[in-house]
Amino acid sequence: MAIRIFIDQGHNPQGTNAGAEGFGLREQDITYQVGIYLANILNADPRFEARTSRTSPEQSLGYSNTSSLAERVRLANTWPADYFISIHCNASDNPALNGTECYVYENYTQSYYLAERILTAIVERLGTYNNGVRINPSLYVLRRTNMPAVLVELGYITNYEDSQKLKNRQYDFAYAIYQGLLNYFGFSPNP
C-alpha cells in the first residue's frame, strides 16, 4: 500500500492568511508551485500517493487565519494521510537572515527524523544555509494533525540569494523534499 503524503502549500493567494513577500515574489505562489511539483514527483513513484491542500493557484482555504489552518489539517486527517508536510518561505526585517529550517512538534519523533532528512537534502541540493530542526509545539498544523508533521521553511524570501533560489529552483526544492522522504524510508530513487 502506498505511503500517503499530504502536502500543505502554506498560505492563501490573497487576503486571509496570505504569505510573506520579498523581491517581487509572494510566498503563497512559491509554496503552491513547489507543492504541485512535489505531488507530481511523489505520484509518479508507486511507493507514494500525494495530495495537496490547494489544487489551484487561486484557491483559498478558510475565511480566517485559524479556519484556513483548520481546513488544511482537516483535509489531511480525514484522508487519512500517513505524513504531513507544510511548505513555507521565511521572512525577516533583517535581509541578511537566510537559510532553510524545519519545524516539528517535539524532539526525537518520526517528525523530527523526517525533518532532519528533508533539511539535509535541501541544503545539499540547493546550497542553502542549514538553520536546523526546531521545536515549535504552538504551530497549529503540527499540533492538530493526527500523523507525523513537518513544517519546512524553504528559505528567506527577504534575502536576495535565497529569493533567487525560491524564484528559479522550485523544482529542485520539491525534488529535495522527495529525496528527504526517500532517505527517511531507506528507499532508492524511483526506478
N, C-alpha and C. Protein backbone atom coordinates (compact mmCIF):
# COMPACT_ATOMS: atom_id res chain seq x y z
N MET A 1 0.84 -1.19 0.00
CA MET A 1 0.00 0.00 0.00
C MET A 1 0.88 1.25 0.00
N ALA A 2 0.54 2.21 -0.83
CA ALA A 2 1.33 3.43 -0.97
C ALA A 2 1.32 4.26 0.32
N ILE A 3 2.42 4.91 0.58
CA ILE A 3 2.53 5.83 1.72
C ILE A 3 1.87 7.14 1.34
N ARG A 4 0.92 7.58 2.13
CA ARG A 4 0.13 8.78 1.81
C ARG A 4 0.79 10.03 2.39
N ILE A 5 1.15 10.95 1.50
CA ILE A 5 1.80 12.20 1.89
C ILE A 5 0.85 13.36 1.60
N PHE A 6 0.48 14.09 2.63
CA PHE A 6 -0.34 15.29 2.43
C PHE A 6 0.59 16.50 2.37
N ILE A 7 0.50 17.25 1.28
CA ILE A 7 1.37 18.41 1.06
C ILE A 7 0.54 19.67 1.25
N ASP A 8 0.87 20.42 2.26
CA ASP A 8 0.18 21.68 2.54
C ASP A 8 1.01 22.83 1.98
N GLN A 9 0.45 23.49 0.96
CA GLN A 9 1.12 24.67 0.39
C GLN A 9 0.71 25.88 1.23
N GLY A 10 1.64 26.32 2.07
CA GLY A 10 1.35 27.36 3.04
C GLY A 10 0.76 28.62 2.42
N HIS A 11 -0.27 29.14 3.09
CA HIS A 11 -0.88 30.43 2.81
C HIS A 11 -1.86 30.42 1.63
N ASN A 12 -2.69 31.44 1.63
CA ASN A 12 -3.70 31.63 0.60
C ASN A 12 -3.22 32.63 -0.43
N PRO A 13 -3.81 32.65 -1.64
CA PRO A 13 -3.33 33.54 -2.70
C PRO A 13 -3.46 35.03 -2.38
N GLN A 14 -4.47 35.39 -1.59
CA GLN A 14 -4.61 36.80 -1.20
C GLN A 14 -5.47 36.89 0.04
N GLY A 15 -5.49 38.07 0.65
CA GLY A 15 -6.37 38.32 1.80
C GLY A 15 -6.02 37.47 3.00
N THR A 16 -7.04 36.75 3.48
CA THR A 16 -6.90 35.93 4.67
C THR A 16 -5.75 34.94 4.54
N ASN A 17 -4.83 35.00 5.49
CA ASN A 17 -3.72 34.04 5.56
C ASN A 17 -2.80 34.11 4.33
N ALA A 18 -2.67 35.31 3.73
CA ALA A 18 -1.68 35.49 2.66
C ALA A 18 -0.28 35.44 3.27
N GLY A 19 0.71 35.10 2.46
CA GLY A 19 2.06 34.90 2.97
C GLY A 19 2.96 36.12 2.86
N ALA A 20 4.23 35.89 3.09
CA ALA A 20 5.25 36.94 3.06
C ALA A 20 5.59 37.31 1.62
N GLU A 21 6.21 38.49 1.48
CA GLU A 21 6.64 38.95 0.15
C GLU A 21 8.06 39.49 0.24
N GLY A 22 8.77 39.35 -0.88
CA GLY A 22 10.12 39.89 -0.96
C GLY A 22 10.64 39.80 -2.39
N PHE A 23 11.31 40.83 -2.83
CA PHE A 23 11.93 40.86 -4.16
C PHE A 23 10.93 40.53 -5.27
N GLY A 24 9.70 41.04 -5.11
CA GLY A 24 8.67 40.83 -6.11
C GLY A 24 8.05 39.44 -6.10
N LEU A 25 8.40 38.64 -5.12
CA LEU A 25 7.88 37.27 -5.00
C LEU A 25 6.86 37.20 -3.87
N ARG A 26 5.90 36.28 -4.03
CA ARG A 26 4.92 36.03 -2.98
C ARG A 26 5.06 34.60 -2.49
N GLU A 27 5.12 34.45 -1.18
CA GLU A 27 5.29 33.13 -0.57
C GLU A 27 4.24 32.14 -1.08
N GLN A 28 2.98 32.57 -1.13
CA GLN A 28 1.89 31.66 -1.49
C GLN A 28 2.02 31.13 -2.91
N ASP A 29 2.66 31.89 -3.81
CA ASP A 29 2.88 31.41 -5.18
C ASP A 29 3.98 30.36 -5.22
N ILE A 30 5.04 30.60 -4.45
CA ILE A 30 6.16 29.66 -4.40
C ILE A 30 5.72 28.35 -3.76
N THR A 31 5.03 28.45 -2.62
CA THR A 31 4.62 27.23 -1.93
C THR A 31 3.64 26.42 -2.77
N TYR A 32 2.77 27.11 -3.49
CA TYR A 32 1.82 26.40 -4.35
C TYR A 32 2.58 25.57 -5.39
N GLN A 33 3.51 26.20 -6.10
CA GLN A 33 4.20 25.51 -7.19
C GLN A 33 5.13 24.41 -6.69
N VAL A 34 5.85 24.67 -5.60
CA VAL A 34 6.72 23.62 -5.04
C VAL A 34 5.86 22.42 -4.63
N GLY A 35 4.69 22.69 -4.06
CA GLY A 35 3.79 21.62 -3.66
C GLY A 35 3.28 20.80 -4.83
N ILE A 36 2.95 21.47 -5.92
CA ILE A 36 2.48 20.77 -7.13
C ILE A 36 3.62 19.91 -7.70
N TYR A 37 4.82 20.48 -7.78
CA TYR A 37 5.96 19.68 -8.25
C TYR A 37 6.16 18.45 -7.37
N LEU A 38 6.12 18.65 -6.05
CA LEU A 38 6.34 17.54 -5.13
C LEU A 38 5.26 16.48 -5.29
N ALA A 39 4.00 16.90 -5.41
CA ALA A 39 2.91 15.93 -5.59
C ALA A 39 3.10 15.13 -6.88
N ASN A 40 3.51 15.81 -7.95
CA ASN A 40 3.73 15.12 -9.22
C ASN A 40 4.87 14.10 -9.11
N ILE A 41 5.95 14.50 -8.44
CA ILE A 41 7.09 13.59 -8.25
C ILE A 41 6.65 12.37 -7.44
N LEU A 42 5.95 12.61 -6.34
CA LEU A 42 5.52 11.52 -5.47
C LEU A 42 4.52 10.61 -6.16
N ASN A 43 3.58 11.19 -6.88
CA ASN A 43 2.55 10.38 -7.53
C ASN A 43 3.10 9.59 -8.72
N ALA A 44 4.28 9.95 -9.19
CA ALA A 44 4.94 9.17 -10.25
C ALA A 44 5.71 7.98 -9.67
N ASP A 45 5.84 7.95 -8.35
CA ASP A 45 6.54 6.88 -7.65
C ASP A 45 5.48 5.98 -7.00
N PRO A 46 5.37 4.72 -7.42
CA PRO A 46 4.29 3.86 -6.92
C PRO A 46 4.33 3.62 -5.41
N ARG A 47 5.42 3.97 -4.78
CA ARG A 47 5.52 3.78 -3.32
C ARG A 47 4.77 4.86 -2.55
N PHE A 48 4.39 5.94 -3.25
CA PHE A 48 3.74 7.07 -2.59
C PHE A 48 2.42 7.43 -3.25
N GLU A 49 1.57 8.09 -2.49
CA GLU A 49 0.38 8.75 -3.01
C GLU A 49 0.35 10.12 -2.35
N ALA A 50 0.17 11.17 -3.13
CA ALA A 50 0.21 12.52 -2.58
C ALA A 50 -1.05 13.31 -2.93
N ARG A 51 -1.43 14.17 -2.01
CA ARG A 51 -2.50 15.15 -2.22
C ARG A 51 -2.00 16.50 -1.73
N THR A 52 -2.57 17.56 -2.30
CA THR A 52 -2.20 18.92 -1.90
C THR A 52 -3.38 19.62 -1.25
N SER A 53 -3.07 20.59 -0.40
CA SER A 53 -4.14 21.37 0.24
C SER A 53 -4.79 22.33 -0.76
N ARG A 54 -3.99 22.91 -1.65
CA ARG A 54 -4.52 23.83 -2.66
C ARG A 54 -4.37 23.16 -4.03
N THR A 55 -5.48 23.04 -4.75
CA THR A 55 -5.45 22.35 -6.04
C THR A 55 -5.39 23.31 -7.21
N SER A 56 -5.47 24.62 -6.95
CA SER A 56 -5.28 25.63 -8.00
C SER A 56 -4.63 26.85 -7.36
N PRO A 57 -3.91 27.66 -8.16
CA PRO A 57 -3.21 28.81 -7.59
C PRO A 57 -4.15 29.84 -6.95
N GLU A 58 -5.41 29.86 -7.40
CA GLU A 58 -6.36 30.86 -6.91
C GLU A 58 -7.13 30.38 -5.68
N GLN A 59 -7.03 29.10 -5.36
CA GLN A 59 -7.84 28.53 -4.27
C GLN A 59 -7.44 29.09 -2.92
N SER A 60 -8.45 29.55 -2.17
CA SER A 60 -8.25 29.98 -0.78
C SER A 60 -8.94 28.98 0.13
N LEU A 61 -8.31 28.69 1.24
CA LEU A 61 -8.88 27.77 2.23
C LEU A 61 -9.27 28.58 3.46
N GLY A 62 -10.52 28.43 3.89
CA GLY A 62 -10.99 29.10 5.10
C GLY A 62 -11.31 30.57 4.88
N TYR A 63 -11.83 31.20 5.93
CA TYR A 63 -12.25 32.60 5.90
C TYR A 63 -11.49 33.45 6.93
N SER A 64 -10.60 32.82 7.67
CA SER A 64 -9.75 33.50 8.65
C SER A 64 -8.46 32.70 8.75
N ASN A 65 -7.48 33.24 9.44
CA ASN A 65 -6.22 32.52 9.60
C ASN A 65 -6.45 31.16 10.26
N THR A 66 -7.22 31.14 11.34
CA THR A 66 -7.46 29.90 12.07
C THR A 66 -8.25 28.91 11.23
N SER A 67 -9.30 29.38 10.54
CA SER A 67 -10.10 28.44 9.74
C SER A 67 -9.32 27.91 8.55
N SER A 68 -8.40 28.71 8.03
CA SER A 68 -7.55 28.24 6.93
C SER A 68 -6.65 27.10 7.41
N LEU A 69 -6.03 27.29 8.56
CA LEU A 69 -5.18 26.24 9.12
C LEU A 69 -6.00 25.00 9.47
N ALA A 70 -7.19 25.21 10.04
CA ALA A 70 -8.05 24.09 10.42
C ALA A 70 -8.47 23.27 9.20
N GLU A 71 -8.73 23.94 8.08
CA GLU A 71 -9.14 23.22 6.88
C GLU A 71 -7.99 22.36 6.34
N ARG A 72 -6.79 22.87 6.39
CA ARG A 72 -5.62 22.12 5.93
C ARG A 72 -5.45 20.84 6.76
N VAL A 73 -5.57 20.99 8.08
CA VAL A 73 -5.46 19.85 8.99
C VAL A 73 -6.62 18.87 8.77
N ARG A 74 -7.83 19.39 8.60
CA ARG A 74 -8.99 18.53 8.38
C ARG A 74 -8.81 17.67 7.13
N LEU A 75 -8.34 18.29 6.04
CA LEU A 75 -8.13 17.55 4.80
C LEU A 75 -7.13 16.40 5.00
N ALA A 76 -6.06 16.66 5.74
CA ALA A 76 -5.05 15.61 5.98
C ALA A 76 -5.60 14.53 6.90
N ASN A 77 -6.28 14.93 7.97
CA ASN A 77 -6.77 13.96 8.95
C ASN A 77 -7.88 13.07 8.39
N THR A 78 -8.74 13.62 7.55
CA THR A 78 -9.86 12.83 7.04
C THR A 78 -9.48 11.95 5.86
N TRP A 79 -8.31 12.21 5.24
CA TRP A 79 -7.92 11.39 4.08
C TRP A 79 -7.88 9.92 4.46
N PRO A 80 -7.16 9.38 5.40
CA PRO A 80 -6.17 10.00 6.27
C PRO A 80 -4.75 9.86 5.70
N ALA A 81 -3.96 10.91 5.86
CA ALA A 81 -2.57 10.88 5.42
C ALA A 81 -1.71 10.12 6.42
N ASP A 82 -0.59 9.61 5.94
CA ASP A 82 0.41 8.98 6.82
C ASP A 82 1.43 10.00 7.31
N TYR A 83 1.69 11.01 6.48
CA TYR A 83 2.65 12.08 6.82
C TYR A 83 2.12 13.40 6.28
N PHE A 84 2.47 14.49 6.96
CA PHE A 84 2.01 15.83 6.61
C PHE A 84 3.24 16.71 6.44
N ILE A 85 3.35 17.37 5.28
CA ILE A 85 4.46 18.28 5.02
C ILE A 85 3.88 19.64 4.64
N SER A 86 4.16 20.65 5.44
CA SER A 86 3.69 22.01 5.16
C SER A 86 4.86 22.83 4.62
N ILE A 87 4.66 23.45 3.47
CA ILE A 87 5.73 24.16 2.77
C ILE A 87 5.55 25.67 2.95
N HIS A 88 6.63 26.34 3.34
CA HIS A 88 6.60 27.78 3.60
C HIS A 88 7.90 28.44 3.12
N CYS A 89 7.88 29.76 3.08
CA CYS A 89 9.08 30.58 2.89
C CYS A 89 9.18 31.49 4.10
N ASN A 90 10.37 31.67 4.60
CA ASN A 90 10.59 32.51 5.76
C ASN A 90 10.73 33.97 5.36
N ALA A 91 10.64 34.86 6.33
CA ALA A 91 10.81 36.29 6.08
C ALA A 91 11.35 36.96 7.34
N SER A 92 12.08 38.04 7.14
CA SER A 92 12.64 38.78 8.27
C SER A 92 12.85 40.23 7.88
N ASP A 93 12.82 41.11 8.88
CA ASP A 93 13.18 42.51 8.65
C ASP A 93 14.67 42.66 8.38
N ASN A 94 15.44 41.65 8.77
CA ASN A 94 16.89 41.65 8.55
C ASN A 94 17.18 40.92 7.24
N PRO A 95 17.55 41.63 6.17
CA PRO A 95 17.76 40.99 4.87
C PRO A 95 18.95 40.03 4.84
N ALA A 96 19.79 40.05 5.87
CA ALA A 96 20.93 39.14 5.91
C ALA A 96 20.53 37.73 6.35
N LEU A 97 19.42 37.60 7.05
CA LEU A 97 19.00 36.27 7.51
C LEU A 97 18.66 35.40 6.31
N ASN A 98 19.15 34.17 6.33
CA ASN A 98 18.94 33.26 5.20
C ASN A 98 18.96 31.82 5.69
N GLY A 99 18.60 30.91 4.78
CA GLY A 99 18.73 29.50 5.08
C GLY A 99 17.41 28.77 5.20
N THR A 100 17.55 27.47 5.37
CA THR A 100 16.43 26.54 5.45
C THR A 100 16.33 25.99 6.86
N GLU A 101 15.09 25.83 7.32
CA GLU A 101 14.87 25.19 8.62
C GLU A 101 13.57 24.42 8.57
N CYS A 102 13.44 23.48 9.49
CA CYS A 102 12.20 22.70 9.61
C CYS A 102 11.70 22.79 11.04
N TYR A 103 10.39 22.76 11.18
CA TYR A 103 9.76 22.79 12.50
C TYR A 103 8.97 21.51 12.71
N VAL A 104 9.03 21.01 13.95
CA VAL A 104 8.27 19.83 14.35
C VAL A 104 7.70 20.09 15.75
N TYR A 105 6.78 19.21 16.15
CA TYR A 105 6.09 19.37 17.43
C TYR A 105 7.01 19.05 18.60
N GLU A 106 7.83 17.97 18.47
CA GLU A 106 8.73 17.63 19.57
C GLU A 106 9.96 16.88 19.06
N ASN A 107 10.98 16.86 19.90
CA ASN A 107 12.24 16.20 19.60
C ASN A 107 12.11 14.69 19.49
N TYR A 108 12.99 14.10 18.69
CA TYR A 108 13.23 12.65 18.67
C TYR A 108 11.95 11.84 18.42
N THR A 109 11.19 12.28 17.43
CA THR A 109 9.98 11.62 16.99
C THR A 109 10.13 11.30 15.50
N GLN A 110 9.14 10.60 14.93
CA GLN A 110 9.17 10.37 13.48
C GLN A 110 9.25 11.70 12.74
N SER A 111 8.49 12.68 13.19
CA SER A 111 8.51 14.00 12.55
C SER A 111 9.92 14.60 12.57
N TYR A 112 10.56 14.48 13.71
CA TYR A 112 11.90 15.05 13.87
C TYR A 112 12.90 14.39 12.91
N TYR A 113 12.87 13.08 12.84
CA TYR A 113 13.82 12.38 11.97
C TYR A 113 13.52 12.62 10.49
N LEU A 114 12.24 12.72 10.14
CA LEU A 114 11.89 13.08 8.77
C LEU A 114 12.37 14.50 8.45
N ALA A 115 12.17 15.42 9.38
CA ALA A 115 12.61 16.81 9.18
C ALA A 115 14.12 16.88 8.96
N GLU A 116 14.88 16.09 9.73
CA GLU A 116 16.34 16.06 9.55
C GLU A 116 16.70 15.65 8.12
N ARG A 117 16.02 14.62 7.60
CA ARG A 117 16.33 14.13 6.24
C ARG A 117 15.95 15.17 5.18
N ILE A 118 14.79 15.80 5.34
CA ILE A 118 14.35 16.82 4.38
C ILE A 118 15.30 18.00 4.40
N LEU A 119 15.65 18.47 5.59
CA LEU A 119 16.54 19.62 5.73
C LEU A 119 17.90 19.34 5.08
N THR A 120 18.46 18.19 5.37
CA THR A 120 19.77 17.82 4.80
C THR A 120 19.70 17.78 3.27
N ALA A 121 18.64 17.20 2.73
CA ALA A 121 18.51 17.08 1.28
C ALA A 121 18.38 18.46 0.61
N ILE A 122 17.63 19.37 1.21
CA ILE A 122 17.50 20.71 0.64
C ILE A 122 18.84 21.44 0.67
N VAL A 123 19.51 21.38 1.81
CA VAL A 123 20.81 22.06 1.95
C VAL A 123 21.82 21.51 0.94
N GLU A 124 21.84 20.19 0.78
CA GLU A 124 22.79 19.57 -0.17
C GLU A 124 22.46 19.93 -1.62
N ARG A 125 21.18 19.95 -1.96
CA ARG A 125 20.80 20.18 -3.36
C ARG A 125 20.85 21.65 -3.74
N LEU A 126 20.47 22.53 -2.81
CA LEU A 126 20.33 23.95 -3.15
C LEU A 126 21.41 24.85 -2.55
N GLY A 127 22.19 24.32 -1.64
CA GLY A 127 23.26 25.12 -1.05
C GLY A 127 22.77 26.20 -0.11
N THR A 128 21.59 26.02 0.47
CA THR A 128 21.10 26.98 1.46
C THR A 128 21.80 26.71 2.79
N TYR A 129 21.74 27.68 3.68
CA TYR A 129 22.34 27.53 5.00
C TYR A 129 21.45 26.64 5.86
N ASN A 130 22.05 25.75 6.63
CA ASN A 130 21.30 24.82 7.48
C ASN A 130 21.01 25.49 8.82
N ASN A 131 19.74 25.89 9.01
CA ASN A 131 19.32 26.51 10.26
C ASN A 131 18.78 25.50 11.28
N GLY A 132 18.80 24.22 10.92
CA GLY A 132 18.44 23.18 11.88
C GLY A 132 16.96 22.83 11.94
N VAL A 133 16.71 21.78 12.71
CA VAL A 133 15.34 21.37 13.01
C VAL A 133 14.97 22.02 14.33
N ARG A 134 13.84 22.70 14.36
CA ARG A 134 13.42 23.46 15.54
C ARG A 134 12.11 22.90 16.07
N ILE A 135 11.94 23.00 17.36
CA ILE A 135 10.74 22.51 18.02
C ILE A 135 9.79 23.69 18.23
N ASN A 136 8.54 23.53 17.78
CA ASN A 136 7.55 24.58 17.99
C ASN A 136 6.16 23.96 18.14
N PRO A 137 5.82 23.54 19.37
CA PRO A 137 4.52 22.88 19.58
C PRO A 137 3.33 23.83 19.45
N SER A 138 3.57 25.13 19.31
CA SER A 138 2.46 26.07 19.18
C SER A 138 1.91 26.15 17.76
N LEU A 139 2.65 25.64 16.76
CA LEU A 139 2.19 25.73 15.37
C LEU A 139 0.99 24.81 15.15
N TYR A 140 -0.11 25.39 14.70
CA TYR A 140 -1.39 24.69 14.58
C TYR A 140 -1.27 23.40 13.77
N VAL A 141 -0.61 23.48 12.61
CA VAL A 141 -0.56 22.30 11.73
C VAL A 141 0.31 21.18 12.32
N LEU A 142 1.17 21.50 13.27
CA LEU A 142 1.99 20.47 13.91
C LEU A 142 1.26 19.83 15.09
N ARG A 143 0.44 20.61 15.79
CA ARG A 143 -0.21 20.06 16.99
C ARG A 143 -1.57 19.45 16.71
N ARG A 144 -2.19 19.76 15.57
CA ARG A 144 -3.54 19.26 15.31
C ARG A 144 -3.59 18.11 14.30
N THR A 145 -2.50 17.81 13.64
CA THR A 145 -2.50 16.69 12.69
C THR A 145 -2.41 15.37 13.45
N ASN A 146 -3.03 14.33 12.89
CA ASN A 146 -3.03 13.00 13.52
C ASN A 146 -1.90 12.12 13.01
N MET A 147 -0.95 12.71 12.31
CA MET A 147 0.15 11.95 11.73
C MET A 147 1.44 12.76 11.91
N PRO A 148 2.62 12.14 11.73
CA PRO A 148 3.85 12.92 11.82
C PRO A 148 3.80 14.10 10.84
N ALA A 149 4.17 15.28 11.34
CA ALA A 149 4.06 16.51 10.55
C ALA A 149 5.36 17.31 10.63
N VAL A 150 5.73 17.87 9.47
CA VAL A 150 6.93 18.71 9.36
C VAL A 150 6.53 20.00 8.64
N LEU A 151 6.92 21.13 9.19
CA LEU A 151 6.76 22.41 8.50
C LEU A 151 8.13 22.82 7.98
N VAL A 152 8.25 22.98 6.66
CA VAL A 152 9.52 23.28 6.01
C VAL A 152 9.54 24.76 5.61
N GLU A 153 10.52 25.49 6.11
CA GLU A 153 10.79 26.85 5.65
C GLU A 153 11.91 26.74 4.62
N LEU A 154 11.55 26.83 3.34
CA LEU A 154 12.50 26.57 2.25
C LEU A 154 13.69 27.51 2.27
N GLY A 155 13.42 28.79 2.51
CA GLY A 155 14.45 29.82 2.51
C GLY A 155 13.80 31.15 2.85
N TYR A 156 14.61 32.19 2.95
CA TYR A 156 14.10 33.53 3.29
C TYR A 156 13.78 34.31 2.03
N ILE A 157 12.51 34.62 1.84
CA ILE A 157 12.06 35.38 0.68
C ILE A 157 12.59 36.81 0.74
N THR A 158 13.01 37.24 1.93
CA THR A 158 13.53 38.60 2.15
C THR A 158 15.05 38.69 2.03
N ASN A 159 15.69 37.56 1.72
CA ASN A 159 17.14 37.53 1.49
C ASN A 159 17.36 37.37 -0.01
N TYR A 160 18.20 38.19 -0.61
CA TYR A 160 18.32 38.18 -2.06
C TYR A 160 18.76 36.82 -2.61
N GLU A 161 19.81 36.23 -2.03
CA GLU A 161 20.31 34.95 -2.55
C GLU A 161 19.25 33.85 -2.42
N ASP A 162 18.60 33.77 -1.26
CA ASP A 162 17.55 32.77 -1.09
C ASP A 162 16.39 33.03 -2.04
N SER A 163 16.03 34.30 -2.21
CA SER A 163 14.88 34.62 -3.06
C SER A 163 15.11 34.18 -4.51
N GLN A 164 16.34 34.27 -4.96
CA GLN A 164 16.64 33.84 -6.34
C GLN A 164 16.47 32.32 -6.48
N LYS A 165 16.85 31.57 -5.44
CA LYS A 165 16.63 30.13 -5.46
C LYS A 165 15.14 29.81 -5.39
N LEU A 166 14.41 30.55 -4.56
CA LEU A 166 12.96 30.34 -4.45
C LEU A 166 12.26 30.66 -5.76
N LYS A 167 12.79 31.62 -6.49
CA LYS A 167 12.20 32.01 -7.77
C LYS A 167 12.53 31.02 -8.88
N ASN A 168 13.80 30.62 -8.96
CA ASN A 168 14.30 29.88 -10.12
C ASN A 168 14.49 28.38 -9.93
N ARG A 169 14.40 27.89 -8.69
CA ARG A 169 14.72 26.48 -8.46
C ARG A 169 13.62 25.76 -7.68
N GLN A 170 12.37 26.09 -8.00
CA GLN A 170 11.25 25.49 -7.27
C GLN A 170 11.20 23.98 -7.44
N TYR A 171 11.49 23.49 -8.63
CA TYR A 171 11.50 22.04 -8.84
C TYR A 171 12.58 21.39 -7.98
N ASP A 172 13.74 22.03 -7.86
CA ASP A 172 14.82 21.48 -7.04
C ASP A 172 14.42 21.38 -5.57
N PHE A 173 13.69 22.39 -5.07
CA PHE A 173 13.20 22.30 -3.69
C PHE A 173 12.28 21.10 -3.53
N ALA A 174 11.36 20.93 -4.50
CA ALA A 174 10.43 19.80 -4.43
C ALA A 174 11.18 18.48 -4.50
N TYR A 175 12.14 18.38 -5.41
CA TYR A 175 12.88 17.13 -5.55
C TYR A 175 13.69 16.84 -4.28
N ALA A 176 14.21 17.88 -3.65
CA ALA A 176 14.97 17.69 -2.42
C ALA A 176 14.07 17.16 -1.30
N ILE A 177 12.84 17.65 -1.21
CA ILE A 177 11.91 17.12 -0.21
C ILE A 177 11.64 15.64 -0.50
N TYR A 178 11.44 15.31 -1.76
CA TYR A 178 11.27 13.91 -2.18
C TYR A 178 12.49 13.08 -1.77
N GLN A 179 13.68 13.61 -2.02
CA GLN A 179 14.91 12.91 -1.64
C GLN A 179 14.97 12.70 -0.14
N GLY A 180 14.54 13.71 0.62
CA GLY A 180 14.49 13.56 2.07
C GLY A 180 13.55 12.44 2.50
N LEU A 181 12.40 12.33 1.82
CA LEU A 181 11.47 11.24 2.10
C LEU A 181 12.09 9.89 1.76
N LEU A 182 12.75 9.80 0.61
CA LEU A 182 13.42 8.55 0.24
C LEU A 182 14.45 8.17 1.29
N ASN A 183 15.25 9.12 1.73
CA ASN A 183 16.28 8.85 2.73
C ASN A 183 15.66 8.40 4.05
N TYR A 184 14.56 9.03 4.43
CA TYR A 184 13.87 8.69 5.68
C TYR A 184 13.37 7.24 5.63
N PHE A 185 12.80 6.84 4.50
CA PHE A 185 12.24 5.49 4.38
C PHE A 185 13.29 4.46 3.96
N GLY A 186 14.50 4.91 3.62
CA GLY A 186 15.53 3.98 3.17
C GLY A 186 15.28 3.47 1.76
N PHE A 187 14.60 4.28 0.95
CA PHE A 187 14.28 3.90 -0.43
C PHE A 187 15.35 4.43 -1.38
N SER A 188 15.54 3.72 -2.48
CA SER A 188 16.36 4.25 -3.57
C SER A 188 15.45 5.10 -4.45
N PRO A 189 16.02 5.95 -5.31
CA PRO A 189 15.17 6.76 -6.20
C PRO A 189 14.27 5.87 -7.05
N ASN A 190 13.18 6.46 -7.50
CA ASN A 190 12.19 5.74 -8.31
C ASN A 190 12.86 5.11 -9.52
N PRO A 191 12.70 3.80 -9.72
CA PRO A 191 13.35 3.14 -10.87
C PRO A 191 12.77 3.61 -12.20
